[in-house]
PDB file of N, CA and C in Angstrom:
ATOM      1  N   MET A   1      78.688 100.297  66.198  1.00  0.00           N
ATOM      2  CA  MET A   1      78.558  99.719  67.528  1.00  0.00           C
ATOM      3  C   MET A   1      77.121  99.258  67.718  1.00  0.00           C
ATOM      4  N   SER A   2      76.922  98.146  68.356  1.00  0.00           N
ATOM      5  CA  SER A   2      75.580  97.616  68.566  1.00  0.00           C
ATOM      6  C   SER A   2      74.853  98.433  69.625  1.00  0.00           C
ATOM      7  N   THR A   3      73.560  98.139  69.797  1.00  0.00           N
ATOM      8  CA  THR A   3      72.762  98.895  70.763  1.00  0.00           C
ATOM      9  C   THR A   3      73.172  98.621  72.191  1.00  0.00           C
ATOM     10  N   SER A   4      73.871  97.546  72.421  1.00  0.00           N
ATOM     11  CA  SER A   4      74.378  97.253  73.758  1.00  0.00           C
ATOM     12  C   SER A   4      75.623  96.404  73.635  1.00  0.00           C
ATOM     13  N   GLU A   5      76.391  96.401  74.685  1.00  0.00           N
ATOM     14  CA  GLU A   5      77.633  95.638  74.699  1.00  0.00           C
ATOM     15  C   GLU A   5      77.600  94.672  75.861  1.00  0.00           C
ATOM     16  N   LYS A   6      78.055  93.452  75.613  1.00  0.00           N
ATOM     17  CA  LYS A   6      78.137  92.466  76.668  1.00  0.00           C
ATOM     18  C   LYS A   6      79.560  91.958  76.709  1.00  0.00           C
ATOM     19  N   SER A   7      80.086  91.792  77.901  1.00  0.00           N
ATOM     20  CA  SER A   7      81.442  91.289  78.012  1.00  0.00           C
ATOM     21  C   SER A   7      81.516  90.247  79.104  1.00  0.00           C
ATOM     22  N   ASP A   8      82.324  89.234  78.854  1.00  0.00           N
ATOM     23  CA  ASP A   8      82.638  88.260  79.889  1.00  0.00           C
ATOM     24  C   ASP A   8      83.678  88.942  80.757  1.00  0.00           C
ATOM     25  N   THR A   9      83.364  89.174  82.013  1.00  0.00           N
ATOM     26  CA  THR A   9      84.229  90.005  82.841  1.00  0.00           C
ATOM     27  C   THR A   9      85.222  89.200  83.651  1.00  0.00           C
ATOM     28  N   THR A  10      85.661  88.084  83.145  1.00  0.00           N
ATOM     29  CA  THR A  10      86.723  87.395  83.851  1.00  0.00           C
ATOM     30  C   THR A  10      87.992  88.213  83.679  1.00  0.00           C
ATOM     31  N   ALA A  11      88.870  88.143  84.655  1.00  0.00           N
ATOM     32  CA  ALA A  11      90.059  88.994  84.668  1.00  0.00           C
ATOM     33  C   ALA A  11      90.913  88.813  83.410  1.00  0.00           C
ATOM     34  N   SER A  12      90.947  87.614  82.858  1.00  0.00           N
ATOM     35  CA  SER A  12      91.793  87.379  81.695  1.00  0.00           C
ATOM     36  C   SER A  12      91.078  87.635  80.373  1.00  0.00           C
ATOM     37  N   ASN A  13      89.780  87.901  80.416  1.00  0.00           N
ATOM     38  CA  ASN A  13      89.025  88.057  79.176  1.00  0.00           C
ATOM     39  C   ASN A  13      88.041  89.201  79.301  1.00  0.00           C
ATOM     40  N   ILE A  14      88.547  90.424  79.345  1.00  0.00           N
ATOM     41  CA  ILE A  14      87.681  91.588  79.470  1.00  0.00           C
ATOM     42  C   ILE A  14      87.793  92.414  78.201  1.00  0.00           C
ATOM     43  N   PRO A  15      86.861  92.255  77.280  1.00  0.00           N
ATOM     44  CA  PRO A  15      86.892  93.094  76.087  1.00  0.00           C
ATOM     45  C   PRO A  15      85.936  94.275  76.246  1.00  0.00           C
ATOM     46  N   PRO A  16      86.340  95.317  76.980  1.00  0.00           N
ATOM     47  CA  PRO A  16      85.437  96.440  77.162  1.00  0.00           C
ATOM     48  C   PRO A  16      85.244  97.181  75.850  1.00  0.00           C
ATOM     49  N   ASN A  17      84.039  97.100  75.304  1.00  0.00           N
ATOM     50  CA  ASN A  17      83.782  97.642  73.981  1.00  0.00           C
ATOM     51  C   ASN A  17      83.152  99.024  74.003  1.00  0.00           C
ATOM     52  N   THR A  18      82.840  99.523  75.168  1.00  0.00           N
ATOM     53  CA  THR A  18      82.288 100.865  75.246  1.00  0.00           C
ATOM     54  C   THR A  18      83.031 101.638  76.319  1.00  0.00           C
ATOM     55  N   GLN A  19      82.991 102.941  76.184  1.00  0.00           N
ATOM     56  CA  GLN A  19      83.650 103.785  77.170  1.00  0.00           C
ATOM     57  C   GLN A  19      83.032 103.581  78.546  1.00  0.00           C
ATOM     58  N   LEU A  20      81.715 103.457  78.633  1.00  0.00           N
ATOM     59  CA  LEU A  20      81.055 103.260  79.921  1.00  0.00           C
ATOM     60  C   LEU A  20      81.460 101.929  80.543  1.00  0.00           C
ATOM     61  N   ALA A  21      81.527 100.880  79.754  1.00  0.00           N
ATOM     62  CA  ALA A  21      81.942  99.572  80.271  1.00  0.00           C
ATOM     63  C   ALA A  21      83.356  99.645  80.832  1.00  0.00           C
ATOM     64  N   ARG A  22      84.251 100.349  80.134  1.00  0.00           N
ATOM     65  CA  ARG A  22      85.617 100.500  80.624  1.00  0.00           C
ATOM     66  C   ARG A  22      85.652 101.222  81.963  1.00  0.00           C
ATOM     67  N   LYS A  23      84.850 102.280  82.088  1.00  0.00           N
ATOM     68  CA  LYS A  23      84.806 103.038  83.338  1.00  0.00           C
ATOM     69  C   LYS A  23      84.258 102.180  84.477  1.00  0.00           C
ATOM     70  N   ILE A  24      83.257 101.370  84.188  1.00  0.00           N
ATOM     71  CA  ILE A  24      82.676 100.492  85.208  1.00  0.00           C
ATOM     72  C   ILE A  24      83.712  99.472  85.669  1.00  0.00           C
ATOM     73  N   ILE A  25      84.387  98.851  84.738  1.00  0.00           N
ATOM     74  CA  ILE A  25      85.401  97.853  85.077  1.00  0.00           C
ATOM     75  C   ILE A  25      86.525  98.491  85.886  1.00  0.00           C
ATOM     76  N   GLU A  26      86.921  99.687  85.492  1.00  0.00           N
ATOM     77  CA  GLU A  26      87.958 100.409  86.240  1.00  0.00           C
ATOM     78  C   GLU A  26      87.501 100.679  87.670  1.00  0.00           C
ATOM     79  N   GLN A  27      86.262 101.101  87.827  1.00  0.00           N
ATOM     80  CA  GLN A  27      85.741 101.390  89.162  1.00  0.00           C
ATOM     81  C   GLN A  27      85.615 100.098  89.988  1.00  0.00           C
ATOM     82  N   LEU A  28      85.184  99.014  89.369  1.00  0.00           N
ATOM     83  CA  LEU A  28      85.067  97.741  90.082  1.00  0.00           C
ATOM     84  C   LEU A  28      86.435  97.236  90.551  1.00  0.00           C
ATOM     85  N   SER A  29      87.467  97.611  89.848  1.00  0.00           N
ATOM     86  CA  SER A  29      88.817  97.201  90.237  1.00  0.00           C
ATOM     87  C   SER A  29      89.278  97.862  91.532  1.00  0.00           C
ATOM     88  N   THR A  30      88.496  98.830  92.031  1.00  0.00           N
ATOM     89  CA  THR A  30      88.830  99.480  93.302  1.00  0.00           C
ATOM     90  C   THR A  30      88.103  98.839  94.484  1.00  0.00           C
ATOM     91  N   VAL A  31      87.185  97.906  94.198  1.00  0.00           N
ATOM     92  CA  VAL A  31      86.449  97.223  95.266  1.00  0.00           C
ATOM     93  C   VAL A  31      87.275  96.022  95.714  1.00  0.00           C
ATOM     94  N   ILE A  32      87.704  96.062  96.956  1.00  0.00           N
ATOM     95  CA  ILE A  32      88.631  95.045  97.481  1.00  0.00           C
ATOM     96  C   ILE A  32      87.906  94.075  98.405  1.00  0.00           C
ATOM     97  N   ASP A  33      88.122  92.784  98.178  1.00  0.00           N
ATOM     98  CA  ASP A  33      87.626  91.759  99.092  1.00  0.00           C
ATOM     99  C   ASP A  33      88.497  91.831 100.341  1.00  0.00           C
ATOM    100  N   PRO A  34      87.908  92.156 101.503  1.00  0.00           N
ATOM    101  CA  PRO A  34      88.719  92.348 102.706  1.00  0.00           C
ATOM    102  C   PRO A  34      89.419  91.084 103.201  1.00  0.00           C
ATOM    103  N   GLU A  35      88.882  89.947 102.874  1.00  0.00           N
ATOM    104  CA  GLU A  35      89.490  88.692 103.319  1.00  0.00           C
ATOM    105  C   GLU A  35      90.690  88.316 102.457  1.00  0.00           C
ATOM    106  N   LEU A  36      90.557  88.473 101.156  1.00  0.00           N
ATOM    107  CA  LEU A  36      91.613  88.056 100.230  1.00  0.00           C
ATOM    108  C   LEU A  36      92.518  89.197  99.795  1.00  0.00           C
ATOM    109  N   GLN A  37      92.168  90.436 100.150  1.00  0.00           N
ATOM    110  CA  GLN A  37      92.970  91.615  99.825  1.00  0.00           C
ATOM    111  C   GLN A  37      93.272  91.736  98.336  1.00  0.00           C
ATOM    112  N   SER A  38      92.268  91.449  97.539  1.00  0.00           N
ATOM    113  CA  SER A  38      92.386  91.594  96.091  1.00  0.00           C
ATOM    114  C   SER A  38      91.079  92.166  95.566  1.00  0.00           C
ATOM    115  N   ASP A  39      91.129  92.784  94.395  1.00  0.00           N
ATOM    116  CA  ASP A  39      89.910  93.413  93.878  1.00  0.00           C
ATOM    117  C   ASP A  39      88.961  92.386  93.256  1.00  0.00           C
ATOM    118  N   VAL A  40      87.693  92.764  93.193  1.00  0.00           N
ATOM    119  CA  VAL A  40      86.652  91.832  92.741  1.00  0.00           C
ATOM    120  C   VAL A  40      86.811  91.442  91.276  1.00  0.00           C
ATOM    121  N   MET A  41      87.451  92.277  90.474  1.00  0.00           N
ATOM    122  CA  MET A  41      87.664  91.919  89.071  1.00  0.00           C
ATOM    123  C   MET A  41      88.773  90.875  88.952  1.00  0.00           C
ATOM    124  N   SER A  42      89.862  91.067  89.675  1.00  0.00           N
ATOM    125  CA  SER A  42      90.950  90.085  89.646  1.00  0.00           C
ATOM    126  C   SER A  42      90.492  88.733  90.169  1.00  0.00           C
ATOM    127  N   LEU A  43      89.599  88.768  91.146  1.00  0.00           N
ATOM    128  CA  LEU A  43      89.064  87.532  91.732  1.00  0.00           C
ATOM    129  C   LEU A  43      87.943  86.921  90.890  1.00  0.00           C
ATOM    130  N   GLN A  44      87.535  87.617  89.856  1.00  0.00           N
ATOM    131  CA  GLN A  44      86.467  87.170  88.957  1.00  0.00           C
ATOM    132  C   GLN A  44      85.138  86.980  89.695  1.00  0.00           C
ATOM    133  N   LEU A  45      84.843  87.890  90.612  1.00  0.00           N
ATOM    134  CA  LEU A  45      83.599  87.821  91.375  1.00  0.00           C
ATOM    135  C   LEU A  45      82.443  88.506  90.658  1.00  0.00           C
ATOM    136  N   VAL A  46      82.740  89.305  89.647  1.00  0.00           N
ATOM    137  CA  VAL A  46      81.710  89.961  88.847  1.00  0.00           C
ATOM    138  C   VAL A  46      81.775  89.361  87.450  1.00  0.00           C
ATOM    139  N   GLU A  47      80.625  88.855  86.984  1.00  0.00           N
ATOM    140  CA  GLU A  47      80.552  88.185  85.692  1.00  0.00           C
ATOM    141  C   GLU A  47      79.376  88.741  84.906  1.00  0.00           C
ATOM    142  N   ASN A  48      79.338  88.410  83.619  1.00  0.00           N
ATOM    143  CA  ASN A  48      78.199  88.713  82.759  1.00  0.00           C
ATOM    144  C   ASN A  48      77.803  90.184  82.782  1.00  0.00           C
ATOM    145  N   LEU A  49      78.781  91.048  82.715  1.00  0.00           N
ATOM    146  CA  LEU A  49      78.523  92.482  82.712  1.00  0.00           C
ATOM    147  C   LEU A  49      77.865  92.868  81.392  1.00  0.00           C
ATOM    148  N   PHE A  50      76.724  93.518  81.490  1.00  0.00           N
ATOM    149  CA  PHE A  50      75.980  93.990  80.323  1.00  0.00           C
ATOM    150  C   PHE A  50      75.719  95.468  80.508  1.00  0.00           C
ATOM    151  N   VAL A  51      76.138  96.261  79.519  1.00  0.00           N
ATOM    152  CA  VAL A  51      75.946  97.705  79.579  1.00  0.00           C
ATOM    153  C   VAL A  51      75.139  98.126  78.364  1.00  0.00           C
ATOM    154  N   GLY A  52      73.952  98.655  78.617  1.00  0.00           N
ATOM    155  CA  GLY A  52      73.109  99.134  77.524  1.00  0.00           C
ATOM    156  C   GLY A  52      73.469 100.552  77.141  1.00  0.00           C
ATOM    157  N   GLU A  53      73.117 100.946  75.933  1.00  0.00           N
ATOM    158  CA  GLU A  53      73.393 102.311  75.487  1.00  0.00           C
ATOM    159  C   GLU A  53      72.672 103.346  76.335  1.00  0.00           C
ATOM    160  N   ASP A  54      71.591 102.933  77.009  1.00  0.00           N
ATOM    161  CA  ASP A  54      70.848 103.855  77.875  1.00  0.00           C
ATOM    162  C   ASP A  54      71.478 103.990  79.256  1.00  0.00           C
ATOM    163  N   GLY A  55      72.605 103.323  79.479  1.00  0.00           N
ATOM    164  CA  GLY A  55      73.294 103.391  80.758  1.00  0.00           C
ATOM    165  C   GLY A  55      72.858 102.345  81.758  1.00  0.00           C
ATOM    166  N   SER A  56      71.956 101.468  81.358  1.00  0.00           N
ATOM    167  CA  SER A  56      71.541 100.391  82.260  1.00  0.00           C
ATOM    168  C   SER A  56      72.639  99.340  82.322  1.00  0.00           C
ATOM    169  N   VAL A  57      72.823  98.790  83.511  1.00  0.00           N
ATOM    170  CA  VAL A  57      73.891  97.824  83.746  1.00  0.00           C
ATOM    171  C   VAL A  57      73.308  96.613  84.459  1.00  0.00           C
ATOM    172  N   SER A  58      73.644  95.440  84.004  1.00  0.00           N
ATOM    173  CA  SER A  58      73.294  94.224  84.740  1.00  0.00           C
ATOM    174  C   SER A  58      74.552  93.362  84.818  1.00  0.00           C
ATOM    175  N   TYR A  59      74.615  92.575  85.875  1.00  0.00           N
ATOM    176  CA  TYR A  59      75.804  91.766  86.118  1.00  0.00           C
ATOM    177  C   TYR A  59      75.494  90.705  87.161  1.00  0.00           C
ATOM    178  N   THR A  60      76.377  89.744  87.265  1.00  0.00           N
ATOM    179  CA  THR A  60      76.268  88.685  88.257  1.00  0.00           C
ATOM    180  C   THR A  60      77.412  88.827  89.243  1.00  0.00           C
ATOM    181  N   PHE A  61      77.073  88.767  90.516  1.00  0.00           N
ATOM    182  CA  PHE A  61      78.077  88.750  91.578  1.00  0.00           C
ATOM    183  C   PHE A  61      78.076  87.362  92.183  1.00  0.00           C
ATOM    184  N   ARG A  62      79.250  86.764  92.250  1.00  0.00           N
ATOM    185  CA  ARG A  62      79.413  85.437  92.827  1.00  0.00           C
ATOM    186  C   ARG A  62      80.452  85.525  93.941  1.00  0.00           C
ATOM    187  N   PRO A  63      80.006  85.560  95.215  1.00  0.00           N
ATOM    188  CA  PRO A  63      80.953  85.627  96.328  1.00  0.00           C
ATOM    189  C   PRO A  63      81.937  84.463  96.300  1.00  0.00           C
ATOM    190  N   THR A  64      83.005  84.579  97.059  1.00  0.00           N
ATOM    191  CA  THR A  64      84.059  83.564  97.050  1.00  0.00           C
ATOM    192  C   THR A  64      83.604  82.225  97.604  1.00  0.00           C
ATOM    193  N   SER A  65      82.565  82.239  98.435  1.00  0.00           N
ATOM    194  CA  SER A  65      82.031  80.981  98.965  1.00  0.00           C
ATOM    195  C   SER A  65      80.549  81.137  99.254  1.00  0.00           C
ATOM    196  N   PHE A  66      79.880  80.022  99.428  1.00  0.00           N
ATOM    197  CA  PHE A  66      78.437  79.998  99.681  1.00  0.00           C
ATOM    198  C   PHE A  66      78.083  80.783 100.944  1.00  0.00           C
ATOM    199  N   ALA A  67      78.945  80.746 101.929  1.00  0.00           N
ATOM    200  CA  ALA A  67      78.699  81.446 103.198  1.00  0.00           C
ATOM    201  C   ALA A  67      79.725  82.562 103.422  1.00  0.00           C
ATOM    202  N   CYS A  68      80.131  83.205 102.361  1.00  0.00           N
ATOM    203  CA  CYS A  68      81.133  84.264 102.451  1.00  0.00           C
ATOM    204  C   CYS A  68      80.722  85.301 103.493  1.00  0.00           C
ATOM    205  N   PRO A  69      81.550  85.537 104.496  1.00  0.00           N
ATOM    206  CA  PRO A  69      81.183  86.497 105.543  1.00  0.00           C
ATOM    207  C   PRO A  69      81.119  87.935 105.045  1.00  0.00           C
ATOM    208  N   TYR A  70      81.713  88.209 103.885  1.00  0.00           N
ATOM    209  CA  TYR A  70      81.703  89.562 103.337  1.00  0.00           C
ATOM    210  C   TYR A  70      80.774  89.705 102.134  1.00  0.00           C
ATOM    211  N   GLY A  71      79.980  88.688 101.857  1.00  0.00           N
ATOM    212  CA  GLY A  71      79.117  88.694 100.678  1.00  0.00           C
ATOM    213  C   GLY A  71      78.173  89.890 100.601  1.00  0.00           C
ATOM    214  N   VAL A  72      77.508  90.194 101.691  1.00  0.00           N
ATOM    215  CA  VAL A  72      76.562  91.316 101.703  1.00  0.00           C
ATOM    216  C   VAL A  72      77.307  92.626 101.511  1.00  0.00           C
ATOM    217  N   ASN A  73      78.371  92.825 102.260  1.00  0.00           N
ATOM    218  CA  ASN A  73      79.143  94.070 102.142  1.00  0.00           C
ATOM    219  C   ASN A  73      79.739  94.233 100.751  1.00  0.00           C
ATOM    220  N   LEU A  74      80.273  93.171 100.192  1.00  0.00           N
ATOM    221  CA  LEU A  74      80.843  93.256  98.846  1.00  0.00           C
ATOM    222  C   LEU A  74      79.780  93.606  97.815  1.00  0.00           C
ATOM    223  N   ALA A  75      78.625  92.973  97.911  1.00  0.00           N
ATOM    224  CA  ALA A  75      77.542  93.272  96.968  1.00  0.00           C
ATOM    225  C   ALA A  75      77.152  94.742  97.048  1.00  0.00           C
ATOM    226  N   MET A  76      77.076  95.271  98.255  1.00  0.00           N
ATOM    227  CA  MET A  76      76.726  96.677  98.433  1.00  0.00           C
ATOM    228  C   MET A  76      77.832  97.589  97.900  1.00  0.00           C
ATOM    229  N   GLU A  77      79.089  97.227  98.103  1.00  0.00           N
ATOM    230  CA  GLU A  77      80.205  98.024  97.598  1.00  0.00           C
ATOM    231  C   GLU A  77      80.273  97.992  96.073  1.00  0.00           C
ATOM    232  N   ILE A  78      79.977  96.845  95.491  1.00  0.00           N
ATOM    233  CA  ILE A  78      79.955  96.720  94.030  1.00  0.00           C
ATOM    234  C   ILE A  78      78.865  97.618  93.459  1.00  0.00           C
ATOM    235  N   LYS A  79      77.688  97.549  94.043  1.00  0.00           N
ATOM    236  CA  LYS A  79      76.578  98.384  93.561  1.00  0.00           C
ATOM    237  C   LYS A  79      76.922  99.867  93.703  1.00  0.00           C
ATOM    238  N   LYS A  80      77.497 100.250  94.821  1.00  0.00           N
ATOM    239  CA  LYS A  80      77.888 101.638  95.063  1.00  0.00           C
ATOM    240  C   LYS A  80      78.949 102.089  94.048  1.00  0.00           C
ATOM    241  N   ALA A  81      79.925 101.235  93.779  1.00  0.00           N
ATOM    242  CA  ALA A  81      80.985 101.568  92.819  1.00  0.00           C
ATOM    243  C   ALA A  81      80.410 101.798  91.427  1.00  0.00           C
ATOM    244  N   ILE A  82      79.514 100.936  91.005  1.00  0.00           N
ATOM    245  CA  ILE A  82      78.914 101.088  89.676  1.00  0.00           C
ATOM    246  C   ILE A  82      78.048 102.337  89.624  1.00  0.00           C
ATOM    247  N   ALA A  83      77.286 102.589  90.679  1.00  0.00           N
ATOM    248  CA  ALA A  83      76.428 103.773  90.720  1.00  0.00           C
ATOM    249  C   ALA A  83      77.242 105.064  90.642  1.00  0.00           C
ATOM    250  N   SER A  84      78.495 105.035  91.075  1.00  0.00           N
ATOM    251  CA  SER A  84      79.324 106.243  91.073  1.00  0.00           C
ATOM    252  C   SER A  84      79.860 106.600  89.688  1.00  0.00           C
ATOM    253  N   VAL A  85      79.701 105.707  88.726  1.00  0.00           N
ATOM    254  CA  VAL A  85      80.213 105.957  87.377  1.00  0.00           C
ATOM    255  C   VAL A  85      79.214 106.836  86.618  1.00  0.00           C
ATOM    256  N   LYS A  86      79.698 107.967  86.155  1.00  0.00           N
ATOM    257  CA  LYS A  86      78.850 108.891  85.401  1.00  0.00           C
ATOM    258  C   LYS A  86      78.354 108.200  84.135  1.00  0.00           C
ATOM    259  N   GLY A  87      77.042 108.254  83.921  1.00  0.00           N
ATOM    260  CA  GLY A  87      76.439 107.624  82.747  1.00  0.00           C
ATOM    261  C   GLY A  87      75.619 106.395  83.087  1.00  0.00           C
ATOM    262  N   VAL A  88      75.835 105.823  84.277  1.00  0.00           N
ATOM    263  CA  VAL A  88      75.030 104.671  84.702  1.00  0.00           C
ATOM    264  C   VAL A  88      73.670 105.187  85.152  1.00  0.00           C
ATOM    265  N   THR A  89      72.627 104.658  84.534  1.00  0.00           N
ATOM    266  CA  THR A  89      71.265 105.115  84.841  1.00  0.00           C
ATOM    267  C   THR A  89      70.530 104.197  85.801  1.00  0.00           C
ATOM    268  N   ARG A  90      70.829 102.923  85.739  1.00  0.00           N
ATOM    269  CA  ARG A  90      70.226 101.946  86.648  1.00  0.00           C
ATOM    270  C   ARG A  90      71.053 100.674  86.577  1.00  0.00           C
ATOM    271  N   GLN A  91      70.847  99.819  87.567  1.00  0.00           N
ATOM    272  CA  GLN A  91      71.586  98.557  87.561  1.00  0.00           C
ATOM    273  C   GLN A  91      70.756  97.441  88.160  1.00  0.00           C
ATOM    274  N   GLU A  92      71.057  96.251  87.707  1.00  0.00           N
ATOM    275  CA  GLU A  92      70.415  95.048  88.212  1.00  0.00           C
ATOM    276  C   GLU A  92      71.509  94.044  88.529  1.00  0.00           C
ATOM    277  N   ILE A  93      71.522  93.609  89.777  1.00  0.00           N
ATOM    278  CA  ILE A  93      72.531  92.666  90.221  1.00  0.00           C
ATOM    279  C   ILE A  93      71.898  91.288  90.398  1.00  0.00           C
ATOM    280  N   HIS A  94      72.561  90.290  89.876  1.00  0.00           N
ATOM    281  CA  HIS A  94      72.162  88.898  90.067  1.00  0.00           C
ATOM    282  C   HIS A  94      73.219  88.286  90.976  1.00  0.00           C
ATOM    283  N   ILE A  95      72.782  87.526  91.953  1.00  0.00           N
ATOM    284  CA  ILE A  95      73.723  86.931  92.895  1.00  0.00           C
ATOM    285  C   ILE A  95      73.597  85.422  92.819  1.00  0.00           C
ATOM    286  N   GLU A  96      74.736  84.765  92.678  1.00  0.00           N
ATOM    287  CA  GLU A  96      74.766  83.305  92.574  1.00  0.00           C
ATOM    288  C   GLU A  96      75.761  82.748  93.576  1.00  0.00           C
ATOM    289  N   GLY A  97      75.479  81.548  94.045  1.00  0.00           N
ATOM    290  CA  GLY A  97      76.422  80.849  94.916  1.00  0.00           C
ATOM    291  C   GLY A  97      76.554  81.446  96.295  1.00  0.00           C
ATOM    292  N   PHE A  98      75.451  82.005  96.810  1.00  0.00           N
ATOM    293  CA  PHE A  98      75.493  82.640  98.127  1.00  0.00           C
ATOM    294  C   PHE A  98      74.249  82.230  98.900  1.00  0.00           C
ATOM    295  N   VAL A  99      74.410  81.960 100.177  1.00  0.00           N
ATOM    296  CA  VAL A  99      73.336  81.447 101.021  1.00  0.00           C
ATOM    297  C   VAL A  99      72.094  82.348 101.017  1.00  0.00           C
ATOM    298  N   ALA A 100      72.280  83.646 100.982  1.00  0.00           N
ATOM    299  CA  ALA A 100      71.147  84.573 101.022  1.00  0.00           C
ATOM    300  C   ALA A 100      70.990  85.318  99.698  1.00  0.00           C
ATOM    301  N   ALA A 101      71.241  84.643  98.588  1.00  0.00           N
ATOM    302  CA  ALA A 101      71.233  85.289  97.278  1.00  0.00           C
ATOM    303  C   ALA A 101      69.890  85.952  96.972  1.00  0.00           C
ATOM    304  N   LYS A 102      68.812  85.235  97.157  1.00  0.00           N
ATOM    305  CA  LYS A 102      67.491  85.766  96.816  1.00  0.00           C
ATOM    306  C   LYS A 102      67.169  87.005  97.639  1.00  0.00           C
ATOM    307  N   GLU A 103      67.395  86.925  98.928  1.00  0.00           N
ATOM    308  CA  GLU A 103      67.098  88.056  99.828  1.00  0.00           C
ATOM    309  C   GLU A 103      67.975  89.266  99.498  1.00  0.00           C
ATOM    310  N   LEU A 104      69.236  89.016  99.197  1.00  0.00           N
ATOM    311  CA  LEU A 104      70.145  90.102  98.883  1.00  0.00           C
ATOM    312  C   LEU A 104      69.772  90.765  97.553  1.00  0.00           C
ATOM    313  N   GLU A 105      69.389  89.964  96.586  1.00  0.00           N
ATOM    314  CA  GLU A 105      68.923  90.534  95.301  1.00  0.00           C
ATOM    315  C   GLU A 105      67.702  91.425  95.526  1.00  0.00           C
ATOM    316  N   GLU A 106      66.754  90.966  96.347  1.00  0.00           N
ATOM    317  CA  GLU A 106      65.563  91.763  96.621  1.00  0.00           C
ATOM    318  C   GLU A 106      65.926  93.072  97.297  1.00  0.00           C
ATOM    319  N   LEU A 107      66.900  93.055  98.175  1.00  0.00           N
ATOM    320  CA  LEU A 107      67.344  94.251  98.869  1.00  0.00           C
ATOM    321  C   LEU A 107      68.016  95.248  97.922  1.00  0.00           C
ATOM    322  N   LEU A 108      68.836  94.746  97.021  1.00  0.00           N
ATOM    323  CA  LEU A 108      69.646  95.615  96.173  1.00  0.00           C
ATOM    324  C   LEU A 108      68.995  96.028  94.857  1.00  0.00           C
ATOM    325  N   ASN A 109      67.996  95.301  94.416  1.00  0.00           N
ATOM    326  CA  ASN A 109      67.357  95.635  93.127  1.00  0.00           C
ATOM    327  C   ASN A 109      66.086  96.414  93.315  1.00  0.00           C
TER     328      ASN A 109
END
């Protein structure tokens, strides 16, 4: 196994290559978009998931729209869900396609 694993986290193409990555994806599947009533993994709102052997996690969150009314709450729920997975040591969230992406990244990172 390599020193880190990277997976394209689209719902149809998730090759979780580590136990920690699988646990993270499973936990993210419990985060529900309140507007669309579907989980963030099925909606492909979390992309570019990278899990290092040291437990560090980085990923991109892309809300459903530029002015998504739930963008801030979803980002916070995603971060909370990942933090709850045993073995995660730190995380870095990148936000794209959202009106307050820069400010939200500064708040969450």
